[in-house]
PDB file of N, CA and C in Angstrom:
ATOM      1  N   MET A   1       0.819  -1.164   0.032  1.00  0.00           N
ATOM      2  CA  MET A   1      -0.029  -0.004  -0.015  1.00  0.00           C
ATOM      3  C   MET A   1       0.910   1.258  -0.002  1.00  0.00           C
ATOM      4  N   THR A   2       0.544   2.188  -0.851  1.00  0.00           N
ATOM      5  CA  THR A   2       1.318   3.435  -0.908  1.00  0.00           C
ATOM      6  C   THR A   2       0.351   4.589  -0.876  1.00  0.00           C
ATOM      7  N   LYS A   3       0.655   5.521   0.042  1.00  0.00           N
ATOM      8  CA  LYS A   3      -0.025   6.820   0.142  1.00  0.00           C
ATOM      9  C   LYS A   3       0.957   7.922  -0.030  1.00  0.00           C
ATOM     10  N   LEU A   4       0.794   8.804  -0.982  1.00  0.00           N
ATOM     11  CA  LEU A   4       1.765   9.763  -1.233  1.00  0.00           C
ATOM     12  C   LEU A   4       1.205  11.180  -1.266  1.00  0.00           C
ATOM     13  N   ALA A   5       1.928  12.100  -0.673  1.00  0.00           N
ATOM     14  CA  ALA A   5       1.604  13.511  -0.812  1.00  0.00           C
ATOM     15  C   ALA A   5       1.940  13.883  -2.268  1.00  0.00           C
ATOM     16  N   THR A   6       1.322  14.939  -2.769  1.00  0.00           N
ATOM     17  CA  THR A   6       1.586  15.323  -4.184  1.00  0.00           C
ATOM     18  C   THR A   6       2.745  16.361  -4.143  1.00  0.00           C
ATOM     19  N   GLY A   7       3.304  16.582  -5.263  1.00  0.00           N
ATOM     20  CA  GLY A   7       4.431  17.515  -5.428  1.00  0.00           C
ATOM     21  C   GLY A   7       5.681  16.856  -5.832  1.00  0.00           C
ATOM     22  N   PRO A   8       6.594  17.624  -6.432  1.00  0.00           N
ATOM     23  CA  PRO A   8       7.780  16.995  -6.978  1.00  0.00           C
ATOM     24  C   PRO A   8       8.745  16.466  -5.889  1.00  0.00           C
ATOM     25  N   VAL A   9       8.892  17.080  -4.788  1.00  0.00           N
ATOM     26  CA  VAL A   9       9.780  16.539  -3.725  1.00  0.00           C
ATOM     27  C   VAL A   9       9.154  15.299  -3.159  1.00  0.00           C
ATOM     28  N   ALA A  10       7.814  15.333  -2.833  1.00  0.00           N
ATOM     29  CA  ALA A  10       7.180  14.109  -2.254  1.00  0.00           C
ATOM     30  C   ALA A  10       7.294  12.953  -3.229  1.00  0.00           C
ATOM     31  N   SER A  11       7.108  13.236  -4.498  1.00  0.00           N
ATOM     32  CA  SER A  11       7.211  12.159  -5.531  1.00  0.00           C
ATOM     33  C   SER A  11       8.631  11.576  -5.553  1.00  0.00           C
ATOM     34  N   GLU A  12       9.605  12.456  -5.485  1.00  0.00           N
ATOM     35  CA  GLU A  12      11.001  11.959  -5.492  1.00  0.00           C
ATOM     36  C   GLU A  12      11.334  11.180  -4.224  1.00  0.00           C
ATOM     37  N   ILE A  13      10.831  11.566  -3.120  1.00  0.00           N
ATOM     38  CA  ILE A  13      10.966  10.788  -1.863  1.00  0.00           C
ATOM     39  C   ILE A  13      10.431   9.409  -2.088  1.00  0.00           C
ATOM     40  N   ALA A  14       9.205   9.278  -2.605  1.00  0.00           N
ATOM     41  CA  ALA A  14       8.660   7.966  -2.869  1.00  0.00           C
ATOM     42  C   ALA A  14       9.421   7.148  -3.846  1.00  0.00           C
ATOM     43  N   THR A  15       9.876   7.753  -4.857  1.00  0.00           N
ATOM     44  CA  THR A  15      10.656   7.062  -5.868  1.00  0.00           C
ATOM     45  C   THR A  15      11.974   6.456  -5.287  1.00  0.00           C
ATOM     46  N   ARG A  16      12.642   7.323  -4.586  1.00  0.00           N
ATOM     47  CA  ARG A  16      13.924   6.906  -3.990  1.00  0.00           C
ATOM     48  C   ARG A  16      13.760   5.809  -2.915  1.00  0.00           C
ATOM     49  N   LEU A  17      12.711   5.977  -2.061  1.00  0.00           N
ATOM     50  CA  LEU A  17      12.546   4.953  -1.058  1.00  0.00           C
ATOM     51  C   LEU A  17      12.079   3.609  -1.700  1.00  0.00           C
ATOM     52  N   ALA A  18      11.215   3.708  -2.695  1.00  0.00           N
ATOM     53  CA  ALA A  18      10.799   2.442  -3.376  1.00  0.00           C
ATOM     54  C   ALA A  18      11.949   1.727  -3.991  1.00  0.00           C
ATOM     55  N   ALA A  19      12.884   2.493  -4.593  1.00  0.00           N
ATOM     56  CA  ALA A  19      14.045   1.870  -5.259  1.00  0.00           C
ATOM     57  C   ALA A  19      15.014   1.299  -4.233  1.00  0.00           C
ATOM     58  N   ALA A  20      15.196   1.923  -3.095  1.00  0.00           N
ATOM     59  CA  ALA A  20      16.215   1.531  -2.135  1.00  0.00           C
ATOM     60  C   ALA A  20      15.718   0.433  -1.223  1.00  0.00           C
ATOM     61  N   LEU A  21      14.398   0.444  -0.894  1.00  0.00           N
ATOM     62  CA  LEU A  21      13.872  -0.403   0.219  1.00  0.00           C
ATOM     63  C   LEU A  21      12.811  -1.384  -0.233  1.00  0.00           C
ATOM     64  N   ASP A  22      12.296  -1.296  -1.426  1.00  0.00           N
ATOM     65  CA  ASP A  22      11.192  -2.176  -1.922  1.00  0.00           C
ATOM     66  C   ASP A  22      10.148  -2.323  -0.803  1.00  0.00           C
ATOM     67  N   PRO A  23       9.543  -1.238  -0.437  1.00  0.00           N
ATOM     68  CA  PRO A  23       8.623  -1.243   0.686  1.00  0.00           C
ATOM     69  C   PRO A  23       7.333  -1.976   0.391  1.00  0.00           C
ATOM     70  N   THR A  24       6.723  -2.636   1.421  1.00  0.00           N
ATOM     71  CA  THR A  24       5.417  -3.281   1.332  1.00  0.00           C
ATOM     72  C   THR A  24       4.412  -2.260   1.741  1.00  0.00           C
ATOM     73  N   HIS A  25       4.806  -1.145   2.386  1.00  0.00           N
ATOM     74  CA  HIS A  25       3.835  -0.076   2.735  1.00  0.00           C
ATOM     75  C   HIS A  25       4.715   1.178   2.772  1.00  0.00           C
ATOM     76  N   LEU A  26       4.181   2.276   2.105  1.00  0.00           N
ATOM     77  CA  LEU A  26       4.905   3.532   2.085  1.00  0.00           C
ATOM     78  C   LEU A  26       3.944   4.689   2.166  1.00  0.00           C
ATOM     79  N   GLU A  27       4.131   5.554   3.107  1.00  0.00           N
ATOM     80  CA  GLU A  27       3.395   6.833   3.130  1.00  0.00           C
ATOM     81  C   GLU A  27       4.349   7.930   3.193  1.00  0.00           C
ATOM     82  N   VAL A  28       4.106   8.948   2.367  1.00  0.00           N
ATOM     83  CA  VAL A  28       4.875  10.185   2.345  1.00  0.00           C
ATOM     84  C   VAL A  28       3.858  11.266   2.626  1.00  0.00           C
ATOM     85  N   ILE A  29       4.039  11.874   3.801  1.00  0.00           N
ATOM     86  CA  ILE A  29       3.099  12.896   4.305  1.00  0.00           C
ATOM     87  C   ILE A  29       3.774  14.249   4.299  1.00  0.00           C
ATOM     88  N   ASN A  30       3.181  15.242   3.625  1.00  0.00           N
ATOM     89  CA  ASN A  30       3.716  16.597   3.617  1.00  0.00           C
ATOM     90  C   ASN A  30       3.221  17.371   4.839  1.00  0.00           C
ATOM     91  N   ASP A  31       4.129  17.605   5.688  1.00  0.00           N
ATOM     92  CA  ASP A  31       3.774  18.369   6.957  1.00  0.00           C
ATOM     93  C   ASP A  31       4.096  19.885   6.885  1.00  0.00           C
ATOM     94  N   SER A  32       4.484  20.308   5.678  1.00  0.00           N
ATOM     95  CA  SER A  32       4.979  21.688   5.531  1.00  0.00           C
ATOM     96  C   SER A  32       4.003  22.797   5.923  1.00  0.00           C
ATOM     97  N   HIS A  33       2.709  22.516   5.752  1.00  0.00           N
ATOM     98  CA  HIS A  33       1.691  23.497   6.145  1.00  0.00           C
ATOM     99  C   HIS A  33       1.730  23.815   7.660  1.00  0.00           C
ATOM    100  N   HIS A  34       2.184  22.866   8.431  1.00  0.00           N
ATOM    101  CA  HIS A  34       2.337  23.105   9.881  1.00  0.00           C
ATOM    102  C   HIS A  34       3.493  24.051  10.212  1.00  0.00           C
ATOM    103  N   HIS A  35       4.331  24.284   9.251  1.00  0.00           N
ATOM    104  CA  HIS A  35       5.568  25.050   9.504  1.00  0.00           C
ATOM    105  C   HIS A  35       5.637  26.278   8.629  1.00  0.00           C
ATOM    106  N   ALA A  36       4.608  26.697   8.034  1.00  0.00           N
ATOM    107  CA  ALA A  36       4.615  27.874   7.135  1.00  0.00           C
ATOM    108  C   ALA A  36       5.091  29.069   7.987  1.00  0.00           C
ATOM    109  N   GLY A  37       6.019  29.823   7.399  1.00  0.00           N
ATOM    110  CA  GLY A  37       6.516  31.002   8.010  1.00  0.00           C
ATOM    111  C   GLY A  37       7.613  30.741   9.100  1.00  0.00           C
ATOM    112  N   HIS A  38       7.884  29.473   9.422  1.00  0.00           N
ATOM    113  CA  HIS A  38       8.883  29.131  10.394  1.00  0.00           C
ATOM    114  C   HIS A  38      10.239  28.966   9.738  1.00  0.00           C
ATOM    115  N   MET A  39      11.258  28.918  10.508  1.00  0.00           N
ATOM    116  CA  MET A  39      12.612  28.662   9.984  1.00  0.00           C
ATOM    117  C   MET A  39      12.625  27.336   9.272  1.00  0.00           C
ATOM    118  N   GLY A  40      13.234  27.330   8.122  1.00  0.00           N
ATOM    119  CA  GLY A  40      13.278  26.131   7.267  1.00  0.00           C
ATOM    120  C   GLY A  40      12.134  26.090   6.250  1.00  0.00           C
ATOM    121  N   ASP A  41      11.183  26.943   6.341  1.00  0.00           N
ATOM    122  CA  ASP A  41      10.133  27.004   5.338  1.00  0.00           C
ATOM    123  C   ASP A  41      10.673  27.793   4.154  1.00  0.00           C
ATOM    124  N   ASP A  42      10.910  27.088   3.038  1.00  0.00           N
ATOM    125  CA  ASP A  42      11.526  27.754   1.907  1.00  0.00           C
ATOM    126  C   ASP A  42      10.456  28.291   0.945  1.00  0.00           C
ATOM    127  N   GLY A  43       9.194  28.283   1.362  1.00  0.00           N
ATOM    128  CA  GLY A  43       8.158  28.819   0.480  1.00  0.00           C
ATOM    129  C   GLY A  43       7.621  27.900  -0.562  1.00  0.00           C
ATOM    130  N   THR A  44       8.214  26.763  -0.737  1.00  0.00           N
ATOM    131  CA  THR A  44       7.757  25.793  -1.759  1.00  0.00           C
ATOM    132  C   THR A  44       6.554  24.962  -1.336  1.00  0.00           C
ATOM    133  N   GLY A  45       6.346  24.890  -0.009  1.00  0.00           N
ATOM    134  CA  GLY A  45       5.294  24.049   0.529  1.00  0.00           C
ATOM    135  C   GLY A  45       5.735  22.562   0.587  1.00  0.00           C
ATOM    136  N   GLU A  46       7.047  22.331   0.342  1.00  0.00           N
ATOM    137  CA  GLU A  46       7.542  20.980   0.373  1.00  0.00           C
ATOM    138  C   GLU A  46       8.909  20.970   1.085  1.00  0.00           C
ATOM    139  N   SER A  47       8.915  21.250   2.411  1.00  0.00           N
ATOM    140  CA  SER A  47      10.100  21.285   3.138  1.00  0.00           C
ATOM    141  C   SER A  47      10.164  20.341   4.374  1.00  0.00           C
ATOM    142  N   HIS A  48       8.953  20.007   4.829  1.00  0.00           N
ATOM    143  CA  HIS A  48       8.832  19.170   6.013  1.00  0.00           C
ATOM    144  C   HIS A  48       7.960  17.937   5.739  1.00  0.00           C
ATOM    145  N   PHE A  49       8.523  16.754   6.036  1.00  0.00           N
ATOM    146  CA  PHE A  49       7.775  15.525   5.709  1.00  0.00           C
ATOM    147  C   PHE A  49       7.817  14.484   6.804  1.00  0.00           C
ATOM    148  N   THR A  50       6.894  13.538   6.735  1.00  0.00           N
ATOM    149  CA  THR A  50       6.904  12.364   7.577  1.00  0.00           C
ATOM    150  C   THR A  50       6.865  11.192   6.533  1.00  0.00           C
ATOM    151  N   VAL A  51       7.672  10.198   6.749  1.00  0.00           N
ATOM    152  CA  VAL A  51       7.627   8.995   5.933  1.00  0.00           C
ATOM    153  C   VAL A  51       7.389   7.830   6.856  1.00  0.00           C
ATOM    154  N   ILE A  52       6.471   6.955   6.459  1.00  0.00           N
ATOM    155  CA  ILE A  52       6.156   5.716   7.134  1.00  0.00           C
ATOM    156  C   ILE A  52       6.429   4.602   6.224  1.00  0.00           C
ATOM    157  N   VAL A  53       7.421   3.742   6.588  1.00  0.00           N
ATOM    158  CA  VAL A  53       7.944   2.746   5.619  1.00  0.00           C
ATOM    159  C   VAL A  53       8.000   1.402   6.275  1.00  0.00           C
ATOM    160  N   GLU A  54       7.371   0.455   5.619  1.00  0.00           N
ATOM    161  CA  GLU A  54       7.435  -0.978   6.058  1.00  0.00           C
ATOM    162  C   GLU A  54       8.263  -1.650   4.936  1.00  0.00           C
ATOM    163  N   SER A  55       9.351  -2.384   5.379  1.00  0.00           N
ATOM    164  CA  SER A  55      10.156  -3.064   4.371  1.00  0.00           C
ATOM    165  C   SER A  55      10.909  -4.250   4.986  1.00  0.00           C
ATOM    166  N   ALA A  56      11.083  -5.288   4.265  1.00  0.00           N
ATOM    167  CA  ALA A  56      11.839  -6.455   4.703  1.00  0.00           C
ATOM    168  C   ALA A  56      13.279  -6.041   5.031  1.00  0.00           C
ATOM    169  N   ALA A  57      13.739  -4.949   4.398  1.00  0.00           N
ATOM    170  CA  ALA A  57      15.101  -4.474   4.567  1.00  0.00           C
ATOM    171  C   ALA A  57      15.349  -4.074   6.028  1.00  0.00           C
ATOM    172  N   PHE A  58      14.312  -3.862   6.792  1.00  0.00           N
ATOM    173  CA  PHE A  58      14.450  -3.428   8.189  1.00  0.00           C
ATOM    174  C   PHE A  58      14.518  -4.629   9.167  1.00  0.00           C
ATOM    175  N   GLU A  59      14.287  -5.841   8.705  1.00  0.00           N
ATOM    176  CA  GLU A  59      14.306  -6.990   9.592  1.00  0.00           C
ATOM    177  C   GLU A  59      15.653  -7.124  10.228  1.00  0.00           C
ATOM    178  N   GLY A  60      15.668  -7.257  11.552  1.00  0.00           N
ATOM    179  CA  GLY A  60      16.969  -7.416  12.272  1.00  0.00           C
ATOM    180  C   GLY A  60      17.739  -6.129  12.501  1.00  0.00           C
ATOM    181  N   GLN A  61      17.233  -5.062  11.984  1.00  0.00           N
ATOM    182  CA  GLN A  61      17.935  -3.747  12.098  1.00  0.00           C
ATOM    183  C   GLN A  61      17.472  -2.932  13.287  1.00  0.00           C
ATOM    184  N   SER A  62      18.302  -2.210  13.900  1.00  0.00           N
ATOM    185  CA  SER A  62      17.996  -1.308  15.024  1.00  0.00           C
ATOM    186  C   SER A  62      17.296  -0.056  14.445  1.00  0.00           C
ATOM    187  N   ARG A  63      16.638   0.671  15.302  1.00  0.00           N
ATOM    188  CA  ARG A  63      16.011   1.970  14.901  1.00  0.00           C
ATOM    189  C   ARG A  63      16.945   2.873  14.185  1.00  0.00           C
ATOM    190  N   VAL A  64      18.123   3.010  14.713  1.00  0.00           N
ATOM    191  CA  VAL A  64      19.179   3.801  14.121  1.00  0.00           C
ATOM    192  C   VAL A  64      19.599   3.306  12.749  1.00  0.00           C
ATOM    193  N   GLN A  65      19.822   1.998  12.616  1.00  0.00           N
ATOM    194  CA  GLN A  65      20.177   1.426  11.360  1.00  0.00           C
ATOM    195  C   GLN A  65      19.121   1.663  10.306  1.00  0.00           C
ATOM    196  N   ARG A  66      17.844   1.496  10.679  1.00  0.00           N
ATOM    197  CA  ARG A  66      16.708   1.736   9.812  1.00  0.00           C
ATOM    198  C   ARG A  66      16.695   3.192   9.302  1.00  0.00           C
ATOM    199  N   GLN A  67      16.886   4.079  10.265  1.00  0.00           N
ATOM    200  CA  GLN A  67      16.865   5.503   9.842  1.00  0.00           C
ATOM    201  C   GLN A  67      18.030   5.849   8.980  1.00  0.00           C
ATOM    202  N   ARG A  68      19.144   5.208   9.179  1.00  0.00           N
ATOM    203  CA  ARG A  68      20.330   5.466   8.272  1.00  0.00           C
ATOM    204  C   ARG A  68      20.021   4.941   6.861  1.00  0.00           C
ATOM    205  N   LEU A  69      19.291   3.839   6.741  1.00  0.00           N
ATOM    206  CA  LEU A  69      18.898   3.354   5.376  1.00  0.00           C
ATOM    207  C   LEU A  69      18.040   4.384   4.688  1.00  0.00           C
ATOM    208  N   VAL A  70      17.083   4.928   5.412  1.00  0.00           N
ATOM    209  CA  VAL A  70      16.202   5.953   4.825  1.00  0.00           C
ATOM    210  C   VAL A  70      17.028   7.275   4.450  1.00  0.00           C
ATOM    211  N   ASN A  71      17.815   7.683   5.393  1.00  0.00           N
ATOM    212  CA  ASN A  71      18.675   8.843   5.188  1.00  0.00           C
ATOM    213  C   ASN A  71      19.614   8.709   4.023  1.00  0.00           C
ATOM    214  N   THR A  72      20.191   7.517   3.857  1.00  0.00           N
ATOM    215  CA  THR A  72      21.084   7.276   2.708  1.00  0.00           C
ATOM    216  C   THR A  72      20.292   7.357   1.388  1.00  0.00           C
ATOM    217  N   ALA A  73      19.096   6.780   1.361  1.00  0.00           N
ATOM    218  CA  ALA A  73      18.307   6.808   0.112  1.00  0.00           C
ATOM    219  C   ALA A  73      17.877   8.261  -0.241  1.00  0.00           C
ATOM    220  N   LEU A  74      17.759   9.119   0.780  1.00  0.00           N
ATOM    221  CA  LEU A  74      17.286  10.434   0.543  1.00  0.00           C
ATOM    222  C   LEU A  74      18.355  11.503   0.740  1.00  0.00           C
ATOM    223  N   ALA A  75      19.606  11.133   0.714  1.00  0.00           N
ATOM    224  CA  ALA A  75      20.648  12.020   1.088  1.00  0.00           C
ATOM    225  C   ALA A  75      20.704  13.332   0.348  1.00  0.00           C
ATOM    226  N   GLU A  76      20.586  13.254  -1.031  1.00  0.00           N
ATOM    227  CA  GLU A  76      20.640  14.527  -1.830  1.00  0.00           C
ATOM    228  C   GLU A  76      19.425  15.388  -1.494  1.00  0.00           C
ATOM    229  N   LEU A  77      18.270  14.813  -1.288  1.00  0.00           N
ATOM    230  CA  LEU A  77      17.013  15.559  -1.014  1.00  0.00           C
ATOM    231  C   LEU A  77      17.160  16.181   0.362  1.00  0.00           C
ATOM    232  N   LEU A  78      17.717  15.506   1.307  1.00  0.00           N
ATOM    233  CA  LEU A  78      17.914  16.070   2.595  1.00  0.00           C
ATOM    234  C   LEU A  78      18.905  17.229   2.601  1.00  0.00           C
ATOM    235  N   ARG A  79      19.904  17.156   1.747  1.00  0.00           N
ATOM    236  CA  ARG A  79      20.866  18.192   1.649  1.00  0.00           C
ATOM    237  C   ARG A  79      20.256  19.459   0.935  1.00  0.00           C
ATOM    238  N   ASP A  80      19.433  19.213  -0.079  1.00  0.00           N
ATOM    239  CA  ASP A  80      19.040  20.326  -0.973  1.00  0.00           C
ATOM    240  C   ASP A  80      17.597  20.798  -0.839  1.00  0.00           C
ATOM    241  N   HIS A  81      16.697  19.972  -0.345  1.00  0.00           N
ATOM    242  CA  HIS A  81      15.204  20.300  -0.391  1.00  0.00           C
ATOM    243  C   HIS A  81      14.471  20.068   0.898  1.00  0.00           C
ATOM    244  N   ILE A  82      14.864  19.085   1.742  1.00  0.00           N
ATOM    245  CA  ILE A  82      14.050  18.744   2.844  1.00  0.00           C
ATOM    246  C   ILE A  82      14.707  19.372   4.107  1.00  0.00           C
ATOM    247  N   HIS A  83      13.923  20.170   4.826  1.00  0.00           N
ATOM    248  CA  HIS A  83      14.406  20.801   6.041  1.00  0.00           C
ATOM    249  C   HIS A  83      14.226  19.839   7.244  1.00  0.00           C
ATOM    250  N   ALA A  84      13.094  19.103   7.285  1.00  0.00           N
ATOM    251  CA  ALA A  84      12.757  18.232   8.412  1.00  0.00           C
ATOM    252  C   ALA A  84      12.129  16.963   7.891  1.00  0.00           C
ATOM    253  N   LEU A  85      12.569  15.854   8.467  1.00  0.00           N
ATOM    254  CA  LEU A  85      12.040  14.565   8.099  1.00  0.00           C
ATOM    255  C   LEU A  85      11.822  13.731   9.312  1.00  0.00           C
ATOM    256  N   ALA A  86      10.569  13.384   9.568  1.00  0.00           N
ATOM    257  CA  ALA A  86      10.199  12.376  10.641  1.00  0.00           C
ATOM    258  C   ALA A  86      10.139  10.981   9.965  1.00  0.00           C
ATOM    259  N   ILE A  87      10.740  10.001  10.571  1.00  0.00           N
ATOM    260  CA  ILE A  87      10.833   8.657   9.992  1.00  0.00           C
ATOM    261  C   ILE A  87      10.214   7.685  10.945  1.00  0.00           C
ATOM    262  N   ARG A  88       9.244   6.894  10.441  1.00  0.00           N
ATOM    263  CA  ARG A  88       8.677   5.778  11.184  1.00  0.00           C
ATOM    264  C   ARG A  88       8.896   4.509  10.298  1.00  0.00           C
ATOM    265  N   THR A  89       9.572   3.542  10.882  1.00  0.00           N
ATOM    266  CA  THR A  89       9.857   2.391  10.153  1.00  0.00           C
ATOM    267  C   THR A  89       9.351   1.104  10.855  1.00  0.00           C
ATOM    268  N   ARG A  90       9.122   0.044  10.102  1.00  0.00           N
ATOM    269  CA  ARG A  90       8.778  -1.286  10.618  1.00  0.00           C
ATOM    270  C   ARG A  90       9.124  -2.328   9.564  1.00  0.00           C
ATOM    271  N   ALA A  91       9.367  -3.521  10.105  1.00  0.00           N
ATOM    272  CA  ALA A  91       9.519  -4.650   9.268  1.00  0.00           C
ATOM    273  C   ALA A  91       8.158  -5.309   9.043  1.00  0.00           C
ATOM    274  N   PRO A  92       7.929  -6.042   7.992  1.00  0.00           N
ATOM    275  CA  PRO A  92       6.655  -6.733   7.825  1.00  0.00           C
ATOM    276  C   PRO A  92       6.363  -7.545   9.124  1.00  0.00           C
ATOM    277  N   GLY A  93       5.057  -7.482   9.564  1.00  0.00           N
ATOM    278  CA  GLY A  93       4.651  -8.244  10.715  1.00  0.00           C
ATOM    279  C   GLY A  93       4.819  -7.456  12.017  1.00  0.00           C
ATOM    280  N   GLU A  94       5.591  -6.379  12.016  1.00  0.00           N
ATOM    281  CA  GLU A  94       5.745  -5.604  13.318  1.00  0.00           C
ATOM    282  C   GLU A  94       4.534  -4.720  13.469  1.00  0.00           C
ATOM    283  N   ALA A  95       4.147  -4.419  14.663  1.00  0.00           N
ATOM    284  CA  ALA A  95       2.988  -3.558  14.950  1.00  0.00           C
ATOM    285  C   ALA A  95       3.237  -2.194  14.360  1.00  0.00           C
ATOM    286  N   ALA A  96       2.164  -1.619  13.830  1.00  0.00           N
ATOM    287  CA  ALA A  96       2.274  -0.247  13.239  1.00  0.00           C
ATOM    288  C   ALA A  96       2.447   0.792  14.296  1.00  0.00           C
TER     289      ALA A  96
END
């Protein structure tokens, strides 16, 4: 199941996570409207996100290792476009 926010940055987040992690569940949520006018708001409406990812790649991985996998997949976007990213990960069969 995939739920995606619209917009070019959100789409690129989904594309990169799909390629890197082959998720069984992926949600990309644009939280930018909660931060309008705050530091890090670049005016594009795509600067703050939450991703919820379920992937077999996370099996046996610690929370930090899982976040590193996500951060690696999104490295360029984190450097150039994303101001804040909340990450929620799980392996298949783990409680949501």
